[in-house]
PDB file of all heavy atoms in Angstrom:
ATOM      1  N   MET A   1     125.015 113.701  47.864  1.00  0.00           N
ATOM      2  CA  MET A   1     125.888 112.602  47.481  1.00  0.00           C
ATOM      3  C   MET A   1     126.861 113.052  46.408  1.00  0.00           C
ATOM      4  O   MET A   1     126.484 113.718  45.442  1.00  0.00           O
ATOM      5  CB  MET A   1     125.047 111.447  46.945  1.00  0.00           C
ATOM      6  CG  MET A   1     125.853 110.256  46.466  1.00  0.00           C
ATOM      7  SD  MET A   1     124.749 108.940  45.909  1.00  0.00           S
ATOM      8  CE  MET A   1     125.937 107.725  45.389  1.00  0.00           C
ATOM      9  N   ILE A   2     128.120 112.702  46.580  1.00  0.00           N
ATOM     10  CA  ILE A   2     129.134 112.906  45.558  1.00  0.00           C
ATOM     11  C   ILE A   2     129.924 111.617  45.402  1.00  0.00           C
ATOM     12  O   ILE A   2     129.869 110.733  46.266  1.00  0.00           O
ATOM     13  CB  ILE A   2     130.061 114.104  45.869  1.00  0.00           C
ATOM     14  CG1 ILE A   2     130.536 114.070  47.326  1.00  0.00           C
ATOM     15  CG2 ILE A   2     129.379 115.415  45.542  1.00  0.00           C
ATOM     16  CD1 ILE A   2     131.398 115.248  47.719  1.00  0.00           C
ATOM     17  N   ILE A   3     130.670 111.513  44.297  1.00  0.00           N
ATOM     18  CA  ILE A   3     131.282 110.230  43.953  1.00  0.00           C
ATOM     19  C   ILE A   3     132.614 110.463  43.248  1.00  0.00           C
ATOM     20  O   ILE A   3     132.835 111.508  42.627  1.00  0.00           O
ATOM     21  CB  ILE A   3     130.317 109.420  43.047  1.00  0.00           C
ATOM     22  CG1 ILE A   3     130.784 107.979  42.852  1.00  0.00           C
ATOM     23  CG2 ILE A   3     130.111 110.119  41.704  1.00  0.00           C
ATOM     24  CD1 ILE A   3     129.734 107.097  42.177  1.00  0.00           C
ATOM     25  N   GLY A   4     133.505 109.484  43.366  1.00  0.00           N
ATOM     26  CA  GLY A   4     134.751 109.483  42.624  1.00  0.00           C
ATOM     27  C   GLY A   4     135.011 108.096  42.072  1.00  0.00           C
ATOM     28  O   GLY A   4     134.792 107.097  42.769  1.00  0.00           O
ATOM     29  N   VAL A   5     135.462 108.013  40.823  1.00  0.00           N
ATOM     30  CA  VAL A   5     135.729 106.722  40.181  1.00  0.00           C
ATOM     31  C   VAL A   5     137.066 106.799  39.466  1.00  0.00           C
ATOM     32  O   VAL A   5     137.283 107.675  38.635  1.00  0.00           O
ATOM     33  CB  VAL A   5     134.630 106.360  39.154  1.00  0.00           C
ATOM     34  CG1 VAL A   5     134.979 105.054  38.439  1.00  0.00           C
ATOM     35  CG2 VAL A   5     133.273 106.252  39.826  1.00  0.00           C
ATOM     36  N   GLY A   6     137.992 105.889  39.813  1.00  0.00           N
ATOM     37  CA  GLY A   6     139.271 105.857  39.112  1.00  0.00           C
ATOM     38  C   GLY A   6     140.432 105.572  40.031  1.00  0.00           C
ATOM     39  O   GLY A   6     140.295 104.873  41.040  1.00  0.00           O
ATOM     40  N   GLY A   7     141.589 106.155  39.697  1.00  0.00           N
ATOM     41  CA  GLY A   7     142.821 105.914  40.445  1.00  0.00           C
ATOM     42  C   GLY A   7     143.518 107.209  40.832  1.00  0.00           C
ATOM     43  O   GLY A   7     142.854 108.159  41.236  1.00  0.00           O
ATOM     44  N   PRO A   8     144.851 107.267  40.704  1.00  0.00           N
ATOM     45  CA  PRO A   8     145.603 108.448  41.151  1.00  0.00           C
ATOM     46  C   PRO A   8     145.205 109.749  40.463  1.00  0.00           C
ATOM     47  O   PRO A   8     145.489 110.835  40.987  1.00  0.00           O
ATOM     48  CB  PRO A   8     147.054 108.080  40.810  1.00  0.00           C
ATOM     49  CG  PRO A   8     147.077 106.585  40.811  1.00  0.00           C
ATOM     50  CD  PRO A   8     145.748 106.176  40.273  1.00  0.00           C
ATOM     51  N   GLU A   9     144.546 109.649  39.310  1.00  0.00           N
ATOM     52  CA  GLU A   9     144.127 110.875  38.620  1.00  0.00           C
ATOM     53  C   GLU A   9     142.927 111.540  39.291  1.00  0.00           C
ATOM     54  O   GLU A   9     142.611 112.710  39.020  1.00  0.00           O
ATOM     55  CB  GLU A   9     143.777 110.561  37.160  1.00  0.00           C
ATOM     56  CG  GLU A   9     142.429 109.916  36.920  1.00  0.00           C
ATOM     57  CD  GLU A   9     142.364 108.422  37.264  1.00  0.00           C
ATOM     58  OE1 GLU A   9     143.397 107.861  37.696  1.00  0.00           O
ATOM     59  OE2 GLU A   9     141.291 107.810  37.099  1.00  0.00           O
ATOM     60  N   VAL A  10     142.243 110.821  40.192  1.00  0.00           N
ATOM     61  CA  VAL A  10     141.053 111.346  40.853  1.00  0.00           C
ATOM     62  C   VAL A  10     141.481 112.102  42.114  1.00  0.00           C
ATOM     63  O   VAL A  10     142.004 111.507  43.053  1.00  0.00           O
ATOM     64  CB  VAL A  10     140.068 110.215  41.214  1.00  0.00           C
ATOM     65  CG1 VAL A  10     138.855 110.788  41.936  1.00  0.00           C
ATOM     66  CG2 VAL A  10     139.646 109.471  39.957  1.00  0.00           C
ATOM     67  N   ARG A  11     141.254 113.397  42.136  1.00  0.00           N
ATOM     68  CA  ARG A  11     141.708 114.241  43.243  1.00  0.00           C
ATOM     69  C   ARG A  11     140.579 114.693  44.156  1.00  0.00           C
ATOM     70  O   ARG A  11     140.792 115.496  45.056  1.00  0.00           O
ATOM     71  CB  ARG A  11     142.465 115.450  42.700  1.00  0.00           C
ATOM     72  CG  ARG A  11     143.812 115.051  42.092  1.00  0.00           C
ATOM     73  CD  ARG A  11     144.571 116.228  41.543  1.00  0.00           C
ATOM     74  NE  ARG A  11     145.930 115.808  41.187  1.00  0.00           N
ATOM     75  CZ  ARG A  11     147.001 116.018  41.935  1.00  0.00           C
ATOM     76  NH1 ARG A  11     146.867 116.618  43.112  1.00  0.00           N
ATOM     77  NH2 ARG A  11     148.191 115.619  41.538  1.00  0.00           N
ATOM     78  N   GLY A  12     139.389 114.222  43.918  1.00  0.00           N
ATOM     79  CA  GLY A  12     138.271 114.589  44.772  1.00  0.00           C
ATOM     80  C   GLY A  12     137.000 113.919  44.290  1.00  0.00           C
ATOM     81  O   GLY A  12     137.000 113.156  43.320  1.00  0.00           O
ATOM     82  N   MET A  13     135.903 114.211  44.966  1.00  0.00           N
ATOM     83  CA  MET A  13     134.603 113.683  44.566  1.00  0.00           C
ATOM     84  C   MET A  13     133.774 114.811  43.971  1.00  0.00           C
ATOM     85  O   MET A  13     134.008 115.983  44.241  1.00  0.00           O
ATOM     86  CB  MET A  13     133.886 113.067  45.763  1.00  0.00           C
ATOM     87  CG  MET A  13     134.573 111.823  46.296  1.00  0.00           C
ATOM     88  SD  MET A  13     133.615 111.011  47.610  1.00  0.00           S
ATOM     89  CE  MET A  13     133.713 112.238  48.915  1.00  0.00           C
ATOM     90  N   ALA A  14     132.796 114.442  43.166  1.00  0.00           N
ATOM     91  CA  ALA A  14     131.984 115.423  42.457  1.00  0.00           C
ATOM     92  C   ALA A  14     130.655 114.779  42.101  1.00  0.00           C
ATOM     93  O   ALA A  14     130.459 113.575  42.313  1.00  0.00           O
ATOM     94  CB  ALA A  14     132.716 115.876  41.193  1.00  0.00           C
ATOM     95  N   PRO A  15     129.717 115.536  41.563  1.00  0.00           N
ATOM     96  CA  PRO A  15     128.534 114.901  40.979  1.00  0.00           C
ATOM     97  C   PRO A  15     128.964 113.953  39.864  1.00  0.00           C
ATOM     98  O   PRO A  15     130.083 114.049  39.342  1.00  0.00           O
ATOM     99  CB  PRO A  15     127.739 116.098  40.424  1.00  0.00           C
ATOM    100  CG  PRO A  15     128.191 117.264  41.235  1.00  0.00           C
ATOM    101  CD  PRO A  15     129.643 117.015  41.513  1.00  0.00           C
ATOM    102  N   PRO A  16     128.105 113.014  39.464  1.00  0.00           N
ATOM    103  CA  PRO A  16     128.508 112.016  38.452  1.00  0.00           C
ATOM    104  C   PRO A  16     128.893 112.673  37.129  1.00  0.00           C
ATOM    105  O   PRO A  16     128.259 113.622  36.676  1.00  0.00           O
ATOM    106  CB  PRO A  16     127.262 111.141  38.301  1.00  0.00           C
ATOM    107  CG  PRO A  16     126.137 111.992  38.804  1.00  0.00           C
ATOM    108  CD  PRO A  16     126.707 112.834  39.883  1.00  0.00           C
ATOM    109  N   LEU A  17     129.950 112.131  36.536  1.00  0.00           N
ATOM    110  CA  LEU A  17     130.501 112.685  35.298  1.00  0.00           C
ATOM    111  C   LEU A  17     130.341 111.732  34.114  1.00  0.00           C
ATOM    112  O   LEU A  17     130.858 111.995  33.032  1.00  0.00           O
ATOM    113  CB  LEU A  17     131.978 113.003  35.499  1.00  0.00           C
ATOM    114  CG  LEU A  17     132.311 113.983  36.635  1.00  0.00           C
ATOM    115  CD1 LEU A  17     133.818 114.046  36.857  1.00  0.00           C
ATOM    116  CD2 LEU A  17     131.748 115.356  36.338  1.00  0.00           C
ATOM    117  N   GLY A  18     129.660 110.611  34.315  1.00  0.00           N
ATOM    118  CA  GLY A  18     129.499 109.632  33.247  1.00  0.00           C
ATOM    119  C   GLY A  18     130.659 108.661  33.151  1.00  0.00           C
ATOM    120  O   GLY A  18     130.784 107.944  32.140  1.00  0.00           O
ATOM    121  N   LYS A  19     131.512 108.588  34.185  1.00  0.00           N
ATOM    122  CA  LYS A  19     132.634 107.655  34.145  1.00  0.00           C
ATOM    123  C   LYS A  19     132.139 106.219  34.243  1.00  0.00           C
ATOM    124  O   LYS A  19     131.191 105.916  34.978  1.00  0.00           O
ATOM    125  CB  LYS A  19     133.615 107.962  35.273  1.00  0.00           C
ATOM    126  CG  LYS A  19     134.276 109.336  35.153  1.00  0.00           C
ATOM    127  CD  LYS A  19     135.392 109.511  36.156  1.00  0.00           C
ATOM    128  CE  LYS A  19     136.612 108.692  35.772  1.00  0.00           C
ATOM    129  NZ  LYS A  19     137.782 108.980  36.625  1.00  0.00           N
ATOM    130  N   ILE A  20     132.803 105.335  33.525  1.00  0.00           N
ATOM    131  CA  ILE A  20     132.432 103.921  33.506  1.00  0.00           C
ATOM    132  C   ILE A  20     133.345 103.142  34.444  1.00  0.00           C
ATOM    133  O   ILE A  20     134.570 103.267  34.383  1.00  0.00           O
ATOM    134  CB  ILE A  20     132.532 103.365  32.076  1.00  0.00           C
ATOM    135  CG1 ILE A  20     131.569 104.126  31.147  1.00  0.00           C
ATOM    136  CG2 ILE A  20     132.227 101.878  32.048  1.00  0.00           C
ATOM    137  CD1 ILE A  20     131.698 103.761  29.692  1.00  0.00           C
ATOM    138  N   LEU A  21     132.749 102.351  35.334  1.00  0.00           N
ATOM    139  CA  LEU A  21     133.521 101.575  36.298  1.00  0.00           C
ATOM    140  C   LEU A  21     134.295 100.473  35.582  1.00  0.00           C
ATOM    141  O   LEU A  21     133.736  99.772  34.730  1.00  0.00           O
ATOM    142  CB  LEU A  21     132.598 100.965  37.352  1.00  0.00           C
ATOM    143  CG  LEU A  21     132.177 101.854  38.528  1.00  0.00           C
ATOM    144  CD1 LEU A  21     131.391 103.074  38.064  1.00  0.00           C
ATOM    145  CD2 LEU A  21     131.359 101.052  39.540  1.00  0.00           C
ATOM    146  N   LYS A  22     135.576 100.308  35.963  1.00  0.00           N
ATOM    147  CA  LYS A  22     136.415  99.272  35.349  1.00  0.00           C
ATOM    148  C   LYS A  22     137.226  98.580  36.435  1.00  0.00           C
ATOM    149  O   LYS A  22     137.384  99.111  37.547  1.00  0.00           O
ATOM    150  CB  LYS A  22     137.328  99.890  34.291  1.00  0.00           C
ATOM    151  CG  LYS A  22     138.294 100.917  34.810  1.00  0.00           C
ATOM    152  CD  LYS A  22     139.091 101.541  33.667  1.00  0.00           C
ATOM    153  CE  LYS A  22     140.185 102.479  34.177  1.00  0.00           C
ATOM    154  NZ  LYS A  22     139.646 103.596  34.984  1.00  0.00           N
ATOM    155  N   PRO A  23     137.758  97.389  36.164  1.00  0.00           N
ATOM    156  CA  PRO A  23     138.528  96.669  37.176  1.00  0.00           C
ATOM    157  C   PRO A  23     139.689  97.513  37.703  1.00  0.00           C
ATOM    158  O   PRO A  23     140.387  98.186  36.950  1.00  0.00           O
ATOM    159  CB  PRO A  23     139.039  95.444  36.412  1.00  0.00           C
ATOM    160  CG  PRO A  23     138.024  95.226  35.335  1.00  0.00           C
ATOM    161  CD  PRO A  23     137.597  96.597  34.920  1.00  0.00           C
ATOM    162  N   GLY A  24     139.874  97.455  39.014  1.00  0.00           N
ATOM    163  CA  GLY A  24     140.948  98.186  39.668  1.00  0.00           C
ATOM    164  C   GLY A  24     140.557  99.562  40.152  1.00  0.00           C
ATOM    165  O   GLY A  24     141.291 100.186  40.942  1.00  0.00           O
ATOM    166  N   ASP A  25     139.416 100.088  39.700  1.00  0.00           N
ATOM    167  CA  ASP A  25     138.992 101.428  40.124  1.00  0.00           C
ATOM    168  C   ASP A  25     138.660 101.476  41.606  1.00  0.00           C
ATOM    169  O   ASP A  25     138.066 100.538  42.160  1.00  0.00           O
ATOM    170  CB  ASP A  25     137.731 101.855  39.356  1.00  0.00           C
ATOM    171  CG  ASP A  25     138.030 102.425  37.994  1.00  0.00           C
ATOM    172  OD1 ASP A  25     139.203 102.727  37.711  1.00  0.00           O
ATOM    173  OD2 ASP A  25     137.072 102.582  37.205  1.00  0.00           O
ATOM    174  N   LEU A  26     139.034 102.578  42.239  1.00  0.00           N
ATOM    175  CA  LEU A  26     138.445 102.945  43.516  1.00  0.00           C
ATOM    176  C   LEU A  26     137.124 103.643  43.235  1.00  0.00           C
ATOM    177  O   LEU A  26     137.030 104.468  42.312  1.00  0.00           O
ATOM    178  CB  LEU A  26     139.345 103.910  44.286  1.00  0.00           C
ATOM    179  CG  LEU A  26     140.635 103.376  44.907  1.00  0.00           C
ATOM    180  CD1 LEU A  26     141.352 104.516  45.642  1.00  0.00           C
ATOM    181  CD2 LEU A  26     140.364 102.228  45.862  1.00  0.00           C
ATOM    182  N   VAL A  27     136.110 103.326  44.011  1.00  0.00           N
ATOM    183  CA  VAL A  27     134.831 104.038  43.928  1.00  0.00           C
ATOM    184  C   VAL A  27     134.567 104.614  45.314  1.00  0.00           C
ATOM    185  O   VAL A  27     134.329 103.879  46.276  1.00  0.00           O
ATOM    186  CB  VAL A  27     133.684 103.109  43.502  1.00  0.00           C
ATOM    187  CG1 VAL A  27     132.386 103.911  43.386  1.00  0.00           C
ATOM    188  CG2 VAL A  27     134.010 102.432  42.173  1.00  0.00           C
ATOM    189  N   THR A  28     134.684 105.931  45.403  1.00  0.00           N
ATOM    190  CA  THR A  28     134.495 106.611  46.678  1.00  0.00           C
ATOM    191  C   THR A  28     133.155 107.322  46.676  1.00  0.00           C
ATOM    192  O   THR A  28     132.693 107.809  45.638  1.00  0.00           O
ATOM    193  CB  THR A  28     135.606 107.656  46.911  1.00  0.00           C
ATOM    194  OG1 THR A  28     135.558 108.628  45.864  1.00  0.00           O
ATOM    195  CG2 THR A  28     136.971 107.008  46.926  1.00  0.00           C
ATOM    196  N   THR A  29     132.527 107.388  47.837  1.00  0.00           N
ATOM    197  CA  THR A  29     131.284 108.158  47.931  1.00  0.00           C
ATOM    198  C   THR A  29     131.020 108.558  49.363  1.00  0.00           C
ATOM    199  O   THR A  29     131.511 107.935  50.314  1.00  0.00           O
ATOM    200  CB  THR A  29     130.084 107.354  47.399  1.00  0.00           C
ATOM    201  OG1 THR A  29     128.965 108.236  47.240  1.00  0.00           O
ATOM    202  CG2 THR A  29     129.683 106.229  48.349  1.00  0.00           C
ATOM    203  N   GLU A  30     130.265 109.641  49.481  1.00  0.00           N
ATOM    204  CA  GLU A  30     129.628 109.936  50.755  1.00  0.00           C
ATOM    205  C   GLU A  30     128.130 110.023  50.500  1.00  0.00           C
ATOM    206  O   GLU A  30     127.677 110.688  49.577  1.00  0.00           O
ATOM    207  CB  GLU A  30     130.176 111.221  51.378  1.00  0.00           C
ATOM    208  CG  GLU A  30     130.118 112.475  50.533  1.00  0.00           C
ATOM    209  CD  GLU A  30     130.766 113.654  51.228  1.00  0.00           C
ATOM    210  OE1 GLU A  30     131.837 113.461  51.842  1.00  0.00           O
ATOM    211  OE2 GLU A  30     130.204 114.761  51.158  1.00  0.00           O
ATOM    212  N   LEU A  31     127.384 109.256  51.269  1.00  0.00           N
ATOM    213  CA  LEU A  31     125.931 109.282  51.230  1.00  0.00           C
ATOM    214  C   LEU A  31     125.448 110.091  52.418  1.00  0.00           C
ATOM    215  O   LEU A  31     125.933 109.904  53.539  1.00  0.00           O
ATOM    216  CB  LEU A  31     125.349 107.873  51.318  1.00  0.00           C
ATOM    217  CG  LEU A  31     125.809 106.834  50.291  1.00  0.00           C
ATOM    218  CD1 LEU A  31     125.100 105.512  50.557  1.00  0.00           C
ATOM    219  CD2 LEU A  31     125.540 107.314  48.889  1.00  0.00           C
ATOM    220  N   THR A  32     124.473 110.970  52.202  1.00  0.00           N
ATOM    221  CA  THR A  32     123.986 111.816  53.295  1.00  0.00           C
ATOM    222  C   THR A  32     122.469 111.886  53.242  1.00  0.00           C
ATOM    223  O   THR A  32     121.883 112.903  52.847  1.00  0.00           O
ATOM    224  CB  THR A  32     124.587 113.231  53.200  1.00  0.00           C
ATOM    225  OG1 THR A  32     125.953 113.163  52.797  1.00  0.00           O
ATOM    226  CG2 THR A  32     124.506 113.951  54.551  1.00  0.00           C
ATOM    227  N   PRO A  33     121.781 110.808  53.617  1.00  0.00           N
ATOM    228  CA  PRO A  33     120.320 110.832  53.578  1.00  0.00           C
ATOM    229  C   PRO A  33     119.730 111.730  54.659  1.00  0.00           C
ATOM    230  O   PRO A  33     120.297 111.874  55.750  1.00  0.00           O
ATOM    231  CB  PRO A  33     119.942 109.367  53.809  1.00  0.00           C
ATOM    232  CG  PRO A  33     121.081 108.806  54.586  1.00  0.00           C
ATOM    233  CD  PRO A  33     122.301 109.507  54.075  1.00  0.00           C
ATOM    234  N   CYS A  34     118.589 112.306  54.328  1.00  0.00           N
ATOM    235  CA  CYS A  34     117.870 113.198  55.240  1.00  0.00           C
ATOM    236  C   CYS A  34     116.527 112.566  55.581  1.00  0.00           C
ATOM    237  O   CYS A  34     115.749 112.225  54.682  1.00  0.00           O
ATOM    238  CB  CYS A  34     117.670 114.556  54.566  1.00  0.00           C
ATOM    239  SG  CYS A  34     116.723 115.750  55.532  1.00  0.00           S
ATOM    240  N   VAL A  35     116.260 112.402  56.866  1.00  0.00           N
ATOM    241  CA  VAL A  35     115.003 111.833  57.331  1.00  0.00           C
ATOM    242  C   VAL A  35     114.351 112.837  58.270  1.00  0.00           C
ATOM    243  O   VAL A  35     114.932 113.235  59.285  1.00  0.00           O
ATOM    244  CB  VAL A  35     115.228 110.488  58.058  1.00  0.00           C
ATOM    245  CG1 VAL A  35     113.907 109.940  58.580  1.00  0.00           C
ATOM    246  CG2 VAL A  35     115.884 109.480  57.125  1.00  0.00           C
ATOM    247  N   ASN A  36     113.141 113.291  57.907  1.00  0.00           N
ATOM    248  CA  ASN A  36     112.429 114.290  58.704  1.00  0.00           C
ATOM    249  C   ASN A  36     113.283 115.522  58.984  1.00  0.00           C
ATOM    250  O   ASN A  36     113.229 116.107  60.068  1.00  0.00           O
ATOM    251  CB  ASN A  36     111.945 113.684  60.027  1.00  0.00           C
ATOM    252  CG  ASN A  36     110.824 112.682  59.829  1.00  0.00           C
ATOM    253  OD1 ASN A  36     110.020 112.817  58.903  1.00  0.00           O
ATOM    254  ND2 ASN A  36     110.766 111.665  60.663  1.00  0.00           N
ATOM    255  N   GLY A  37     114.101 115.892  58.003  1.00  0.00           N
ATOM    256  CA  GLY A  37     114.890 117.111  58.129  1.00  0.00           C
ATOM    257  C   GLY A  37     116.290 116.917  58.663  1.00  0.00           C
ATOM    258  O   GLY A  37     117.092 117.848  58.616  1.00  0.00           O
ATOM    259  N   TYR A  38     116.640 115.720  59.145  1.00  0.00           N
ATOM    260  CA  TYR A  38     117.939 115.502  59.782  1.00  0.00           C
ATOM    261  C   TYR A  38     118.824 114.608  58.917  1.00  0.00           C
ATOM    262  O   TYR A  38     118.408 113.537  58.490  1.00  0.00           O
ATOM    263  CB  TYR A  38     117.749 114.885  61.171  1.00  0.00           C
ATOM    264  CG  TYR A  38     117.156 115.885  62.136  1.00  0.00           C
ATOM    265  CD1 TYR A  38     115.782 116.046  62.246  1.00  0.00           C
ATOM    266  CD2 TYR A  38     117.979 116.697  62.918  1.00  0.00           C
ATOM    267  CE1 TYR A  38     115.230 116.985  63.096  1.00  0.00           C
ATOM    268  CE2 TYR A  38     117.433 117.637  63.776  1.00  0.00           C
ATOM    269  CZ  TYR A  38     116.060 117.780  63.861  1.00  0.00           C
ATOM    270  OH  TYR A  38     115.522 118.724  64.700  1.00  0.00           O
ATOM    271  N   TYR A  39     120.043 115.080  58.702  1.00  0.00           N
ATOM    272  CA  TYR A  39     121.003 114.385  57.840  1.00  0.00           C
ATOM    273  C   TYR A  39     122.002 113.562  58.656  1.00  0.00           C
ATOM    274  O   TYR A  39     122.430 113.977  59.745  1.00  0.00           O
ATOM    275  CB  TYR A  39     121.819 115.392  57.031  1.00  0.00           C
ATOM    276  CG  TYR A  39     121.060 116.142  55.974  1.00  0.00           C
ATOM    277  CD1 TYR A  39     120.368 117.311  56.288  1.00  0.00           C
ATOM    278  CD2 TYR A  39     121.042 115.708  54.652  1.00  0.00           C
ATOM    279  CE1 TYR A  39     119.688 118.022  55.314  1.00  0.00           C
ATOM    280  CE2 TYR A  39     120.355 116.411  53.673  1.00  0.00           C
ATOM    281  CZ  TYR A  39     119.682 117.567  54.009  1.00  0.00           C
ATOM    282  OH  TYR A  39     119.012 118.280  53.039  1.00  0.00           O
ATOM    283  N   VAL A  40     122.384 112.415  58.087  1.00  0.00           N
ATOM    284  CA  VAL A  40     123.498 111.622  58.594  1.00  0.00           C
ATOM    285  C   VAL A  40     124.335 111.202  57.393  1.00  0.00           C
ATOM    286  O   VAL A  40     123.812 110.946  56.307  1.00  0.00           O
ATOM    287  CB  VAL A  40     123.011 110.385  59.384  1.00  0.00           C
ATOM    288  CG1 VAL A  40     124.147 109.381  59.553  1.00  0.00           C
ATOM    289  CG2 VAL A  40     122.506 110.799  60.749  1.00  0.00           C
ATOM    290  N   GLN A  41     125.639 111.116  57.592  1.00  0.00           N
ATOM    291  CA  GLN A  41     126.542 110.823  56.478  1.00  0.00           C
ATOM    292  C   GLN A  41     127.389 109.588  56.764  1.00  0.00           C
ATOM    293  O   GLN A  41     127.741 109.312  57.916  1.00  0.00           O
ATOM    294  CB  GLN A  41     127.459 112.020  56.245  1.00  0.00           C
ATOM    295  CG  GLN A  41     128.327 111.926  54.995  1.00  0.00           C
ATOM    296  CD  GLN A  41     128.979 113.271  54.697  1.00  0.00           C
ATOM    297  OE1 GLN A  41     130.134 113.492  55.060  1.00  0.00           O
ATOM    298  NE2 GLN A  41     128.241 114.170  54.047  1.00  0.00           N
ATOM    299  N   ILE A  42     127.678 108.857  55.687  1.00  0.00           N
ATOM    300  CA  ILE A  42     128.636 107.767  55.761  1.00  0.00           C
ATOM    301  C   ILE A  42     129.597 107.914  54.589  1.00  0.00           C
ATOM    302  O   ILE A  42     129.189 108.252  53.476  1.00  0.00           O
ATOM    303  CB  ILE A  42     127.954 106.383  55.733  1.00  0.00           C
ATOM    304  CG1 ILE A  42     128.999 105.270  55.888  1.00  0.00           C
ATOM    305  CG2 ILE A  42     127.128 106.181  54.460  1.00  0.00           C
ATOM    306  CD1 ILE A  42     128.392 103.897  56.132  1.00  0.00           C
TER     307      ILE A  42
END
């Protein structure tokens, strides 16, 4: 899982950086759970 929080200054996703969510922010993520060895992503 990686995440992005903010606006035009955010150029990609990364592990969490301690950013605080505020009104107007985009919050992007990809979740990739693994079940019995097999991954699926959203």
